[in-house]
Amino acid sequence: MPASAKASSACFVADAIGWFALSTSFTWALAALFGAGFAASIYLNLGMTTLQTLVPDELRGRVMSLFTLTFFGGMPLGALLAGAAAERIGEPATVFANAAIVLAASLVIWLRLPFIRKLG
């Protein structure tokens, strides 16, 4: 699968989370969360595949352990920051800000790292 699929799935995750933050209807919120979950699963699968493809065999275990540590270890820290932000600016604004950060980071990585565009 081309690298553009990974970038577009990351952008779709951000868009769906943004729509969730702005939704006022339970039905639209569920649809947005379903889209975000679907795109996130594609993104994570493509990320794991890319990582395992690019890393040499002798380093794969170490790199995957670091990936797992940063991914799952970063979640509680992000939740702590999001909780503090939600107390100050409210839950919808915090979720929307997080979506904007994910979208901006995805676009910056896509534009600033040309080797990612050449994968696939």
PDB file of N, CA and C in Angstrom:
ATOM      1  N   MET A   1       0.851  -1.179   0.000  1.00  0.00           N
ATOM      2  CA  MET A   1       0.000   0.000   0.000  1.00  0.00           C
ATOM      3  C   MET A   1       0.893   1.237   0.000  1.00  0.00           C
ATOM      4  N   PRO A   2       0.559   2.236  -0.770  1.00  0.00           N
ATOM      5  CA  PRO A   2       1.422   3.413  -0.856  1.00  0.00           C
ATOM      6  C   PRO A   2       1.450   4.224   0.435  1.00  0.00           C
ATOM      7  N   ALA A   3       2.521   5.011   0.561  1.00  0.00           N
ATOM      8  CA  ALA A   3       2.677   5.854   1.752  1.00  0.00           C
ATOM      9  C   ALA A   3       1.567   6.884   1.847  1.00  0.00           C
ATOM     10  N   SER A   4       0.981   7.256   0.715  1.00  0.00           N
ATOM     11  CA  SER A   4      -0.102   8.239   0.757  1.00  0.00           C
ATOM     12  C   SER A   4      -1.304   7.697   1.526  1.00  0.00           C
ATOM     13  N   ALA A   5      -1.468   6.366   1.551  1.00  0.00           N
ATOM     14  CA  ALA A   5      -2.574   5.795   2.322  1.00  0.00           C
ATOM     15  C   ALA A   5      -2.366   6.038   3.806  1.00  0.00           C
ATOM     16  N   LYS A   6      -1.134   5.948   4.273  1.00  0.00           N
ATOM     17  CA  LYS A   6      -0.850   6.201   5.691  1.00  0.00           C
ATOM     18  C   LYS A   6      -1.109   7.668   6.026  1.00  0.00           C
ATOM     19  N   ALA A   7      -0.644   8.556   5.172  1.00  0.00           N
ATOM     20  CA  ALA A   7      -0.855   9.987   5.421  1.00  0.00           C
ATOM     21  C   ALA A   7      -2.333  10.336   5.369  1.00  0.00           C
ATOM     22  N   SER A   8      -3.051   9.794   4.389  1.00  0.00           N
ATOM     23  CA  SER A   8      -4.467  10.138   4.301  1.00  0.00           C
ATOM     24  C   SER A   8      -5.259   9.514   5.440  1.00  0.00           C
ATOM     25  N   SER A   9      -4.843   8.326   5.924  1.00  0.00           N
ATOM     26  CA  SER A   9      -5.569   7.757   7.065  1.00  0.00           C
ATOM     27  C   SER A   9      -5.316   8.570   8.331  1.00  0.00           C
ATOM     28  N   ALA A  10      -4.103   9.100   8.497  1.00  0.00           N
ATOM     29  CA  ALA A  10      -3.825   9.962   9.650  1.00  0.00           C
ATOM     30  C   ALA A  10      -4.655  11.237   9.573  1.00  0.00           C
ATOM     31  N   CYS A  11      -4.754  11.806   8.397  1.00  0.00           N
ATOM     32  CA  CYS A  11      -5.573  13.013   8.225  1.00  0.00           C
ATOM     33  C   CYS A  11      -7.053  12.708   8.450  1.00  0.00           C
ATOM     34  N   PHE A  12      -7.496  11.527   8.016  1.00  0.00           N
ATOM     35  CA  PHE A  12      -8.894  11.164   8.225  1.00  0.00           C
ATOM     36  C   PHE A  12      -9.194  10.971   9.701  1.00  0.00           C
ATOM     37  N   VAL A  13      -8.242  10.396  10.453  1.00  0.00           N
ATOM     38  CA  VAL A  13      -8.419  10.259  11.899  1.00  0.00           C
ATOM     39  C   VAL A  13      -8.630  11.639  12.522  1.00  0.00           C
ATOM     40  N   ALA A  14      -7.769  12.586  12.147  1.00  0.00           N
ATOM     41  CA  ALA A  14      -7.878  13.942  12.689  1.00  0.00           C
ATOM     42  C   ALA A  14      -9.200  14.588  12.300  1.00  0.00           C
ATOM     43  N   ASP A  15      -9.609  14.415  11.043  1.00  0.00           N
ATOM     44  CA  ASP A  15     -10.880  14.991  10.597  1.00  0.00           C
ATOM     45  C   ASP A  15     -12.062  14.394  11.368  1.00  0.00           C
ATOM     46  N   ALA A  16     -12.062  13.077  11.510  1.00  0.00           N
ATOM     47  CA  ALA A  16     -13.177  12.420  12.201  1.00  0.00           C
ATOM     48  C   ALA A  16     -13.238  12.830  13.665  1.00  0.00           C
ATOM     49  N   ILE A  17     -12.083  12.957  14.305  1.00  0.00           N
ATOM     50  CA  ILE A  17     -12.077  13.400  15.702  1.00  0.00           C
ATOM     51  C   ILE A  17     -12.555  14.847  15.801  1.00  0.00           C
ATOM     52  N   GLY A  18     -12.166  15.663  14.829  1.00  0.00           N
ATOM     53  CA  GLY A  18     -12.659  17.045  14.796  1.00  0.00           C
ATOM     54  C   GLY A  18     -14.171  17.103  14.636  1.00  0.00           C
ATOM     55  N   TRP A  19     -14.719  16.255  13.750  1.00  0.00           N
ATOM     56  CA  TRP A  19     -16.174  16.203  13.589  1.00  0.00           C
ATOM     57  C   TRP A  19     -16.851  15.720  14.855  1.00  0.00           C
ATOM     58  N   PHE A  20     -16.209  14.777  15.556  1.00  0.00           N
ATOM     59  CA  PHE A  20     -16.756  14.317  16.836  1.00  0.00           C
ATOM     60  C   PHE A  20     -16.811  15.463  17.837  1.00  0.00           C
ATOM     61  N   ALA A  21     -15.750  16.262  17.882  1.00  0.00           N
ATOM     62  CA  ALA A  21     -15.712  17.381  18.829  1.00  0.00           C
ATOM     63  C   ALA A  21     -16.804  18.407  18.538  1.00  0.00           C
ATOM     64  N   LEU A  22     -17.128  18.565  17.260  1.00  0.00           N
ATOM     65  CA  LEU A  22     -18.126  19.563  16.871  1.00  0.00           C
ATOM     66  C   LEU A  22     -19.551  19.030  16.833  1.00  0.00           C
ATOM     67  N   SER A  23     -19.719  17.711  16.953  1.00  0.00           N
ATOM     68  CA  SER A  23     -21.060  17.133  16.790  1.00  0.00           C
ATOM     69  C   SER A  23     -21.953  17.474  17.980  1.00  0.00           C
ATOM     70  N   THR A  24     -23.196  17.688  17.672  1.00  0.00           N
ATOM     71  CA  THR A  24     -24.197  17.936  18.713  1.00  0.00           C
ATOM     72  C   THR A  24     -25.228  16.821  18.760  1.00  0.00           C
ATOM     73  N   SER A  25     -25.137  15.891  17.822  1.00  0.00           N
ATOM     74  CA  SER A  25     -26.062  14.771  17.740  1.00  0.00           C
ATOM     75  C   SER A  25     -25.334  13.481  18.117  1.00  0.00           C
ATOM     76  N   PHE A  26     -26.014  12.628  18.865  1.00  0.00           N
ATOM     77  CA  PHE A  26     -25.434  11.348  19.256  1.00  0.00           C
ATOM     78  C   PHE A  26     -25.118  10.490  18.027  1.00  0.00           C
ATOM     79  N   THR A  27     -26.003  10.522  17.040  1.00  0.00           N
ATOM     80  CA  THR A  27     -25.802   9.731  15.824  1.00  0.00           C
ATOM     81  C   THR A  27     -24.556  10.192  15.072  1.00  0.00           C
ATOM     82  N   TRP A  28     -24.388  11.507  14.920  1.00  0.00           N
ATOM     83  CA  TRP A  28     -23.196  12.026  14.232  1.00  0.00           C
ATOM     84  C   TRP A  28     -21.934  11.744  15.027  1.00  0.00           C
ATOM     85  N   ALA A  29     -22.036  11.798  16.349  1.00  0.00           N
ATOM     86  CA  ALA A  29     -20.879  11.486  17.189  1.00  0.00           C
ATOM     87  C   ALA A  29     -20.457  10.033  17.008  1.00  0.00           C
ATOM     88  N   LEU A  30     -21.430   9.121  16.968  1.00  0.00           N
ATOM     89  CA  LEU A  30     -21.111   7.711  16.749  1.00  0.00           C
ATOM     90  C   LEU A  30     -20.487   7.489  15.375  1.00  0.00           C
ATOM     91  N   ALA A  31     -21.035   8.147  14.366  1.00  0.00           N
ATOM     92  CA  ALA A  31     -20.484   8.003  13.013  1.00  0.00           C
ATOM     93  C   ALA A  31     -19.051   8.528  12.961  1.00  0.00           C
ATOM     94  N   ALA A  32     -18.800   9.644  13.609  1.00  0.00           N
ATOM     95  CA  ALA A  32     -17.450  10.212  13.615  1.00  0.00           C
ATOM     96  C   ALA A  32     -16.471   9.304  14.349  1.00  0.00           C
ATOM     97  N   LEU A  33     -16.900   8.745  15.479  1.00  0.00           N
ATOM     98  CA  LEU A  33     -16.020   7.842  16.221  1.00  0.00           C
ATOM     99  C   LEU A  33     -15.781   6.539  15.466  1.00  0.00           C
ATOM    100  N   PHE A  34     -16.789   6.048  14.761  1.00  0.00           N
ATOM    101  CA  PHE A  34     -16.597   4.852  13.937  1.00  0.00           C
ATOM    102  C   PHE A  34     -15.563   5.129  12.842  1.00  0.00           C
ATOM    103  N   GLY A  35     -15.702   6.279  12.176  1.00  0.00           N
ATOM    104  CA  GLY A  35     -14.732   6.647  11.134  1.00  0.00           C
ATOM    105  C   GLY A  35     -13.331   6.818  11.693  1.00  0.00           C
ATOM    106  N   ALA A  36     -13.230   7.439  12.860  1.00  0.00           N
ATOM    107  CA  ALA A  36     -11.917   7.640  13.479  1.00  0.00           C
ATOM    108  C   ALA A  36     -11.297   6.299  13.864  1.00  0.00           C
ATOM    109  N   GLY A  37     -12.073   5.407  14.421  1.00  0.00           N
ATOM    110  CA  GLY A  37     -11.559   4.094  14.797  1.00  0.00           C
ATOM    111  C   GLY A  37     -11.132   3.276  13.597  1.00  0.00           C
ATOM    112  N   PHE A  38     -11.916   3.329  12.534  1.00  0.00           N
ATOM    113  CA  PHE A  38     -11.577   2.596  11.313  1.00  0.00           C
ATOM    114  C   PHE A  38     -10.282   3.125  10.703  1.00  0.00           C
ATOM    115  N   ALA A  39     -10.184   4.439  10.595  1.00  0.00           N
ATOM    116  CA  ALA A  39      -8.974   5.041  10.029  1.00  0.00           C
ATOM    117  C   ALA A  39      -7.760   4.821  10.929  1.00  0.00           C
ATOM    118  N   ALA A  40      -7.963   4.848  12.240  1.00  0.00           N
ATOM    119  CA  ALA A  40      -6.853   4.618  13.162  1.00  0.00           C
ATOM    120  C   ALA A  40      -6.325   3.194  13.037  1.00  0.00           C
ATOM    121  N   SER A  41      -7.216   2.227  12.836  1.00  0.00           N
ATOM    122  CA  SER A  41      -6.754   0.844  12.678  1.00  0.00           C
ATOM    123  C   SER A  41      -5.957   0.686  11.389  1.00  0.00           C
ATOM    124  N   ILE A  42      -6.385   1.351  10.333  1.00  0.00           N
ATOM    125  CA  ILE A  42      -5.611   1.323   9.081  1.00  0.00           C
ATOM    126  C   ILE A  42      -4.261   1.991   9.294  1.00  0.00           C
ATOM    127  N   TYR A  43      -4.253   3.127   9.944  1.00  0.00           N
ATOM    128  CA  TYR A  43      -3.015   3.861  10.195  1.00  0.00           C
ATOM    129  C   TYR A  43      -2.031   3.027  11.005  1.00  0.00           C
ATOM    130  N   LEU A  44      -2.498   2.410  12.078  1.00  0.00           N
ATOM    131  CA  LEU A  44      -1.608   1.619  12.932  1.00  0.00           C
ATOM    132  C   LEU A  44      -1.095   0.383  12.207  1.00  0.00           C
ATOM    133  N   ASN A  45      -1.946  -0.278  11.431  1.00  0.00           N
ATOM    134  CA  ASN A  45      -1.488  -1.440  10.668  1.00  0.00           C
ATOM    135  C   ASN A  45      -0.451  -1.048   9.629  1.00  0.00           C
ATOM    136  N   LEU A  46      -0.678   0.041   8.934  1.00  0.00           N
ATOM    137  CA  LEU A  46       0.303   0.506   7.954  1.00  0.00           C
ATOM    138  C   LEU A  46       1.598   0.932   8.634  1.00  0.00           C
ATOM    139  N   GLY A  47       1.486   1.550   9.801  1.00  0.00           N
ATOM    140  CA  GLY A  47       2.674   1.963  10.538  1.00  0.00           C
ATOM    141  C   GLY A  47       3.511   0.779  10.987  1.00  0.00           C
ATOM    142  N   MET A  48       2.855  -0.241  11.518  1.00  0.00           N
ATOM    143  CA  MET A  48       3.575  -1.447  11.937  1.00  0.00           C
ATOM    144  C   MET A  48       4.226  -2.137  10.742  1.00  0.00           C
ATOM    145  N   THR A  49       3.500  -2.231   9.642  1.00  0.00           N
ATOM    146  CA  THR A  49       4.050  -2.870   8.447  1.00  0.00           C
ATOM    147  C   THR A  49       5.250  -2.103   7.922  1.00  0.00           C
ATOM    148  N   THR A  50       5.138  -0.784   7.864  1.00  0.00           N
ATOM    149  CA  THR A  50       6.252   0.044   7.389  1.00  0.00           C
ATOM    150  C   THR A  50       7.453  -0.095   8.303  1.00  0.00           C
ATOM    151  N   LEU A  51       7.216  -0.047   9.596  1.00  0.00           N
ATOM    152  CA  LEU A  51       8.304  -0.158  10.556  1.00  0.00           C
ATOM    153  C   LEU A  51       9.015  -1.504  10.439  1.00  0.00           C
ATOM    154  N   GLN A  52       8.268  -2.570  10.361  1.00  0.00           N
ATOM    155  CA  GLN A  52       8.872  -3.896  10.269  1.00  0.00           C
ATOM    156  C   GLN A  52       9.548  -4.131   8.930  1.00  0.00           C
ATOM    157  N   THR A  53       9.094  -3.466   7.896  1.00  0.00           N
ATOM    158  CA  THR A  53       9.715  -3.605   6.579  1.00  0.00           C
ATOM    159  C   THR A  53      11.034  -2.845   6.501  1.00  0.00           C
ATOM    160  N   LEU A  54      11.102  -1.677   7.095  1.00  0.00           N
ATOM    161  CA  LEU A  54      12.288  -0.828   6.969  1.00  0.00           C
ATOM    162  C   LEU A  54      13.412  -1.176   7.944  1.00  0.00           C
ATOM    163  N   VAL A  55      13.082  -1.783   9.063  1.00  0.00           N
ATOM    164  CA  VAL A  55      14.085  -2.054  10.098  1.00  0.00           C
ATOM    165  C   VAL A  55      14.783  -3.380   9.799  1.00  0.00           C
ATOM    166  N   PRO A  56      16.110  -3.419   9.908  1.00  0.00           N
ATOM    167  CA  PRO A  56      16.827  -4.683   9.699  1.00  0.00           C
ATOM    168  C   PRO A  56      16.396  -5.747  10.716  1.00  0.00           C
ATOM    169  N   ASP A  57      16.517  -7.005  10.312  1.00  0.00           N
ATOM    170  CA  ASP A  57      16.067  -8.114  11.157  1.00  0.00           C
ATOM    171  C   ASP A  57      16.695  -8.100  12.547  1.00  0.00           C
ATOM    172  N   GLU A  58      17.984  -7.801  12.622  1.00  0.00           N
ATOM    173  CA  GLU A  58      18.671  -7.868  13.909  1.00  0.00           C
ATOM    174  C   GLU A  58      18.253  -6.754  14.868  1.00  0.00           C
ATOM    175  N   LEU A  59      17.603  -5.707  14.369  1.00  0.00           N
ATOM    176  CA  LEU A  59      17.161  -4.599  15.229  1.00  0.00           C
ATOM    177  C   LEU A  59      15.646  -4.560  15.437  1.00  0.00           C
ATOM    178  N   ARG A  60      14.934  -5.420  14.757  1.00  0.00           N
ATOM    179  CA  ARG A  60      13.472  -5.336  14.755  1.00  0.00           C
ATOM    180  C   ARG A  60      12.876  -5.446  16.160  1.00  0.00           C
ATOM    181  N   GLY A  61      13.345  -6.357  16.981  1.00  0.00           N
ATOM    182  CA  GLY A  61      12.803  -6.515  18.332  1.00  0.00           C
ATOM    183  C   GLY A  61      13.013  -5.276  19.176  1.00  0.00           C
ATOM    184  N   ARG A  62      14.198  -4.698  19.093  1.00  0.00           N
ATOM    185  CA  ARG A  62      14.495  -3.488  19.877  1.00  0.00           C
ATOM    186  C   ARG A  62      13.651  -2.306  19.409  1.00  0.00           C
ATOM    187  N   VAL A  63      13.548  -2.156  18.098  1.00  0.00           N
ATOM    188  CA  VAL A  63      12.774  -1.031  17.562  1.00  0.00           C
ATOM    189  C   VAL A  63      11.293  -1.192  17.900  1.00  0.00           C
ATOM    190  N   MET A  64      10.773  -2.402  17.781  1.00  0.00           N
ATOM    191  CA  MET A  64       9.365  -2.621  18.108  1.00  0.00           C
ATOM    192  C   MET A  64       9.092  -2.402  19.594  1.00  0.00           C
ATOM    193  N   SER A  65      10.057  -2.754  20.449  1.00  0.00           N
ATOM    194  CA  SER A  65       9.850  -2.508  21.881  1.00  0.00           C
ATOM    195  C   SER A  65       9.847  -1.009  22.177  1.00  0.00           C
ATOM    196  N   LEU A  66      10.718  -0.256  21.511  1.00  0.00           N
ATOM    197  CA  LEU A  66      10.695   1.205  21.686  1.00  0.00           C
ATOM    198  C   LEU A  66       9.414   1.822  21.143  1.00  0.00           C
ATOM    199  N   PHE A  67       8.950   1.316  20.002  1.00  0.00           N
ATOM    200  CA  PHE A  67       7.689   1.796  19.435  1.00  0.00           C
ATOM    201  C   PHE A  67       6.539   1.536  20.414  1.00  0.00           C
ATOM    202  N   THR A  68       6.497   0.334  20.961  1.00  0.00           N
ATOM    203  CA  THR A  68       5.433  -0.020  21.905  1.00  0.00           C
ATOM    204  C   THR A  68       5.521   0.821  23.169  1.00  0.00           C
ATOM    205  N   LEU A  69       6.736   1.019  23.663  1.00  0.00           N
ATOM    206  CA  LEU A  69       6.925   1.831  24.867  1.00  0.00           C
ATOM    207  C   LEU A  69       6.451   3.268  24.643  1.00  0.00           C
ATOM    208  N   THR A  70       6.848   3.859  23.529  1.00  0.00           N
ATOM    209  CA  THR A  70       6.451   5.244  23.284  1.00  0.00           C
ATOM    210  C   THR A  70       4.962   5.358  22.980  1.00  0.00           C
ATOM    211  N   PHE A  71       4.424   4.379  22.256  1.00  0.00           N
ATOM    212  CA  PHE A  71       3.008   4.445  21.897  1.00  0.00           C
ATOM    213  C   PHE A  71       2.127   4.269  23.131  1.00  0.00           C
ATOM    214  N   PHE A  72       2.338   3.180  23.859  1.00  0.00           N
ATOM    215  CA  PHE A  72       1.488   2.911  25.020  1.00  0.00           C
ATOM    216  C   PHE A  72       1.910   3.707  26.250  1.00  0.00           C
ATOM    217  N   GLY A  73       3.169   4.075  26.337  1.00  0.00           N
ATOM    218  CA  GLY A  73       3.614   4.909  27.449  1.00  0.00           C
ATOM    219  C   GLY A  73       3.219   6.362  27.275  1.00  0.00           C
ATOM    220  N   GLY A  74       3.041   6.781  26.029  1.00  0.00           N
ATOM    221  CA  GLY A  74       2.640   8.158  25.768  1.00  0.00           C
ATOM    222  C   GLY A  74       1.165   8.416  26.008  1.00  0.00           C
ATOM    223  N   MET A  75       0.358   7.358  25.947  1.00  0.00           N
ATOM    224  CA  MET A  75      -1.089   7.541  26.138  1.00  0.00           C
ATOM    225  C   MET A  75      -1.448   8.114  27.506  1.00  0.00           C
ATOM    226  N   PRO A  76      -0.919   7.587  28.612  1.00  0.00           N
ATOM    227  CA  PRO A  76      -1.268   8.175  29.909  1.00  0.00           C
ATOM    228  C   PRO A  76      -0.802   9.627  30.044  1.00  0.00           C
ATOM    229  N   LEU A  77       0.362   9.932  29.484  1.00  0.00           N
ATOM    230  CA  LEU A  77       0.832  11.322  29.550  1.00  0.00           C
ATOM    231  C   LEU A  77      -0.064  12.242  28.729  1.00  0.00           C
ATOM    232  N   GLY A  78      -0.457  11.782  27.557  1.00  0.00           N
ATOM    233  CA  GLY A  78      -1.376  12.565  26.745  1.00  0.00           C
ATOM    234  C   GLY A  78      -2.728  12.742  27.406  1.00  0.00           C
ATOM    235  N   ALA A  79      -3.193  11.690  28.068  1.00  0.00           N
ATOM    236  CA  ALA A  79      -4.471  11.775  28.785  1.00  0.00           C
ATOM    237  C   ALA A  79      -4.385  12.772  29.938  1.00  0.00           C
ATOM    238  N   LEU A  80      -3.249  12.793  30.619  1.00  0.00           N
ATOM    239  CA  LEU A  80      -3.054  13.750  31.707  1.00  0.00           C
ATOM    240  C   LEU A  80      -3.095  15.186  31.181  1.00  0.00           C
ATOM    241  N   LEU A  81      -2.387  15.429  30.077  1.00  0.00           N
ATOM    242  CA  LEU A  81      -2.400  16.775  29.476  1.00  0.00           C
ATOM    243  C   LEU A  81      -3.779  17.143  28.951  1.00  0.00           C
ATOM    244  N   ALA A  82      -4.456  16.176  28.319  1.00  0.00           N
ATOM    245  CA  ALA A  82      -5.800  16.449  27.797  1.00  0.00           C
ATOM    246  C   ALA A  82      -6.777  16.728  28.933  1.00  0.00           C
ATOM    247  N   GLY A  83      -6.647  16.020  30.038  1.00  0.00           N
ATOM    248  CA  GLY A  83      -7.519  16.278  31.184  1.00  0.00           C
ATOM    249  C   GLY A  83      -7.306  17.656  31.765  1.00  0.00           C
ATOM    250  N   ALA A  84      -6.037  18.071  31.859  1.00  0.00           N
ATOM    251  CA  ALA A  84      -5.750  19.414  32.365  1.00  0.00           C
ATOM    252  C   ALA A  84      -6.290  20.479  31.418  1.00  0.00           C
ATOM    253  N   ALA A  85      -6.142  20.240  30.114  1.00  0.00           N
ATOM    254  CA  ALA A  85      -6.663  21.196  29.132  1.00  0.00           C
ATOM    255  C   ALA A  85      -8.193  21.236  29.167  1.00  0.00           C
ATOM    256  N   ALA A  86      -8.820  20.070  29.339  1.00  0.00           N
ATOM    257  CA  ALA A  86     -10.280  20.025  29.376  1.00  0.00           C
ATOM    258  C   ALA A  86     -10.842  20.784  30.570  1.00  0.00           C
ATOM    259  N   GLU A  87     -10.124  20.766  31.678  1.00  0.00           N
ATOM    260  CA  GLU A  87     -10.581  21.547  32.844  1.00  0.00           C
ATOM    261  C   GLU A  87     -10.544  23.032  32.558  1.00  0.00           C
ATOM    262  N   ARG A  88      -9.568  23.463  31.776  1.00  0.00           N
ATOM    263  CA  ARG A  88      -9.422  24.902  31.503  1.00  0.00           C
ATOM    264  C   ARG A  88     -10.293  25.400  30.365  1.00  0.00           C
ATOM    265  N   ILE A  89     -10.329  24.644  29.249  1.00  0.00           N
ATOM    266  CA  ILE A  89     -11.025  25.166  28.062  1.00  0.00           C
ATOM    267  C   ILE A  89     -12.259  24.356  27.685  1.00  0.00           C
ATOM    268  N   GLY A  90     -12.520  23.250  28.373  1.00  0.00           N
ATOM    269  CA  GLY A  90     -13.691  22.434  28.081  1.00  0.00           C
ATOM    270  C   GLY A  90     -13.344  21.228  27.216  1.00  0.00           C
ATOM    271  N   GLU A  91     -14.199  20.221  27.301  1.00  0.00           N
ATOM    272  CA  GLU A  91     -13.936  18.962  26.593  1.00  0.00           C
ATOM    273  C   GLU A  91     -13.988  19.090  25.080  1.00  0.00           C
ATOM    274  N   PRO A  92     -15.032  19.693  24.490  1.00  0.00           N
ATOM    275  CA  PRO A  92     -15.068  19.776  23.023  1.00  0.00           C
ATOM    276  C   PRO A  92     -13.884  20.560  22.442  1.00  0.00           C
ATOM    277  N   ALA A  93     -13.514  21.638  23.094  1.00  0.00           N
ATOM    278  CA  ALA A  93     -12.385  22.426  22.598  1.00  0.00           C
ATOM    279  C   ALA A  93     -11.077  21.643  22.697  1.00  0.00           C
ATOM    280  N   THR A  94     -10.936  20.866  23.760  1.00  0.00           N
ATOM    281  CA  THR A  94      -9.728  20.041  23.921  1.00  0.00           C
ATOM    282  C   THR A  94      -9.661  18.966  22.848  1.00  0.00           C
ATOM    283  N   VAL A  95     -10.770  18.284  22.606  1.00  0.00           N
ATOM    284  CA  VAL A  95     -10.789  17.240  21.573  1.00  0.00           C
ATOM    285  C   VAL A  95     -10.512  17.848  20.205  1.00  0.00           C
ATOM    286  N   PHE A  96     -11.106  18.995  19.921  1.00  0.00           N
ATOM    287  CA  PHE A  96     -10.864  19.654  18.641  1.00  0.00           C
ATOM    288  C   PHE A  96      -9.409  20.107  18.518  1.00  0.00           C
ATOM    289  N   ALA A  97      -8.835  20.621  19.588  1.00  0.00           N
ATOM    290  CA  ALA A  97      -7.427  21.031  19.569  1.00  0.00           C
ATOM    291  C   ALA A  97      -6.519  19.828  19.324  1.00  0.00           C
ATOM    292  N   ASN A  98      -6.837  18.696  19.944  1.00  0.00           N
ATOM    293  CA  ASN A  98      -6.048  17.481  19.711  1.00  0.00           C
ATOM    294  C   ASN A  98      -6.153  17.030  18.260  1.00  0.00           C
ATOM    295  N   ALA A  99      -7.343  17.129  17.685  1.00  0.00           N
ATOM    296  CA  ALA A  99      -7.508  16.777  16.276  1.00  0.00           C
ATOM    297  C   ALA A  99      -6.684  17.707  15.386  1.00  0.00           C
ATOM    298  N   ALA A 100      -6.673  18.984  15.719  1.00  0.00           N
ATOM    299  CA  ALA A 100      -5.883  19.944  14.938  1.00  0.00           C
ATOM    300  C   ALA A 100      -4.389  19.650  15.052  1.00  0.00           C
ATOM    301  N   ILE A 101      -3.954  19.229  16.235  1.00  0.00           N
ATOM    302  CA  ILE A 101      -2.537  18.894  16.427  1.00  0.00           C
ATOM    303  C   ILE A 101      -2.167  17.664  15.601  1.00  0.00           C
ATOM    304  N   VAL A 102      -3.027  16.648  15.601  1.00  0.00           N
ATOM    305  CA  VAL A 102      -2.761  15.444  14.808  1.00  0.00           C
ATOM    306  C   VAL A 102      -2.716  15.788  13.322  1.00  0.00           C
ATOM    307  N   LEU A 103      -3.654  16.596  12.862  1.00  0.00           N
ATOM    308  CA  LEU A 103      -3.671  16.990  11.449  1.00  0.00           C
ATOM    309  C   LEU A 103      -2.435  17.793  11.087  1.00  0.00           C
ATOM    310  N   ALA A 104      -2.070  18.757  11.920  1.00  0.00           N
ATOM    311  CA  ALA A 104      -0.882  19.575  11.641  1.00  0.00           C
ATOM    312  C   ALA A 104       0.386  18.731  11.646  1.00  0.00           C
ATOM    313  N   ALA A 105       0.512  17.826  12.616  1.00  0.00           N
ATOM    314  CA  ALA A 105       1.701  16.966  12.683  1.00  0.00           C
ATOM    315  C   ALA A 105       1.777  16.058  11.465  1.00  0.00           C
ATOM    316  N   SER A 106       0.645  15.514  11.040  1.00  0.00           N
ATOM    317  CA  SER A 106       0.630  14.652   9.857  1.00  0.00           C
ATOM    318  C   SER A 106       1.072  15.414   8.614  1.00  0.00           C
ATOM    319  N   LEU A 107       0.565  16.616   8.465  1.00  0.00           N
ATOM    320  CA  LEU A 107       0.931  17.406   7.286  1.00  0.00           C
ATOM    321  C   LEU A 107       2.387  17.847   7.324  1.00  0.00           C
ATOM    322  N   VAL A 108       2.883  18.235   8.490  1.00  0.00           N
ATOM    323  CA  VAL A 108       4.285  18.640   8.612  1.00  0.00           C
ATOM    324  C   VAL A 108       5.210  17.464   8.295  1.00  0.00           C
ATOM    325  N   ILE A 109       4.902  16.297   8.847  1.00  0.00           N
ATOM    326  CA  ILE A 109       5.725  15.114   8.577  1.00  0.00           C
ATOM    327  C   ILE A 109       5.680  14.772   7.095  1.00  0.00           C
ATOM    328  N   TRP A 110       4.524  14.836   6.498  1.00  0.00           N
ATOM    329  CA  TRP A 110       4.380  14.520   5.071  1.00  0.00           C
ATOM    330  C   TRP A 110       5.169  15.504   4.204  1.00  0.00           C
ATOM    331  N   LEU A 111       5.137  16.764   4.559  1.00  0.00           N
ATOM    332  CA  LEU A 111       5.809  17.778   3.742  1.00  0.00           C
ATOM    333  C   LEU A 111       7.306  17.871   4.013  1.00  0.00           C
ATOM    334  N   ARG A 112       7.733  17.647   5.250  1.00  0.00           N
ATOM    335  CA  ARG A 112       9.132  17.850   5.626  1.00  0.00           C
ATOM    336  C   ARG A 112      10.020  16.622   5.462  1.00  0.00           C
ATOM    337  N   LEU A 113       9.417  15.427   5.355  1.00  0.00           N
ATOM    338  CA  LEU A 113      10.203  14.203   5.236  1.00  0.00           C
ATOM    339  C   LEU A 113       9.917  13.539   3.890  1.00  0.00           C
ATOM    340  N   PRO A 114      10.676  13.904   2.873  1.00  0.00           N
ATOM    341  CA  PRO A 114      10.374  13.398   1.527  1.00  0.00           C
ATOM    342  C   PRO A 114      10.516  11.881   1.385  1.00  0.00           C
ATOM    343  N   PHE A 115      11.341  11.235   2.220  1.00  0.00           N
ATOM    344  CA  PHE A 115      11.491   9.790   2.073  1.00  0.00           C
ATOM    345  C   PHE A 115      10.202   9.046   2.403  1.00  0.00           C
ATOM    346  N   ILE A 116       9.349   9.656   3.215  1.00  0.00           N
ATOM    347  CA  ILE A 116       8.061   9.019   3.533  1.00  0.00           C
ATOM    348  C   ILE A 116       7.171   8.987   2.305  1.00  0.00           C
ATOM    349  N   ARG A 117       7.218  10.038   1.507  1.00  0.00           N
ATOM    350  CA  ARG A 117       6.410  10.067   0.287  1.00  0.00           C
ATOM    351  C   ARG A 117       6.882   9.027  -0.727  1.00  0.00           C
ATOM    352  N   LYS A 118       8.150   8.645  -0.648  1.00  0.00           N
ATOM    353  CA  LYS A 118       8.696   7.680  -1.617  1.00  0.00           C
ATOM    354  C   LYS A 118       8.458   6.239  -1.214  1.00  0.00           C
ATOM    355  N   LEU A 119       7.970   5.989   0.005  1.00  0.00           N
ATOM    356  CA  LEU A 119       7.695   4.617   0.432  1.00  0.00           C
ATOM    357  C   LEU A 119       6.525   4.054  -0.352  1.00  0.00           C
ATOM    358  N   GLY A 120       6.504   2.784  -0.491  1.00  0.00           N
ATOM    359  CA  GLY A 120       5.354   2.161  -1.143  1.00  0.00           C
ATOM    360  C   GLY A 120       5.753   1.594  -2.430  1.00  0.00           C
TER     361      GLY A 120
END
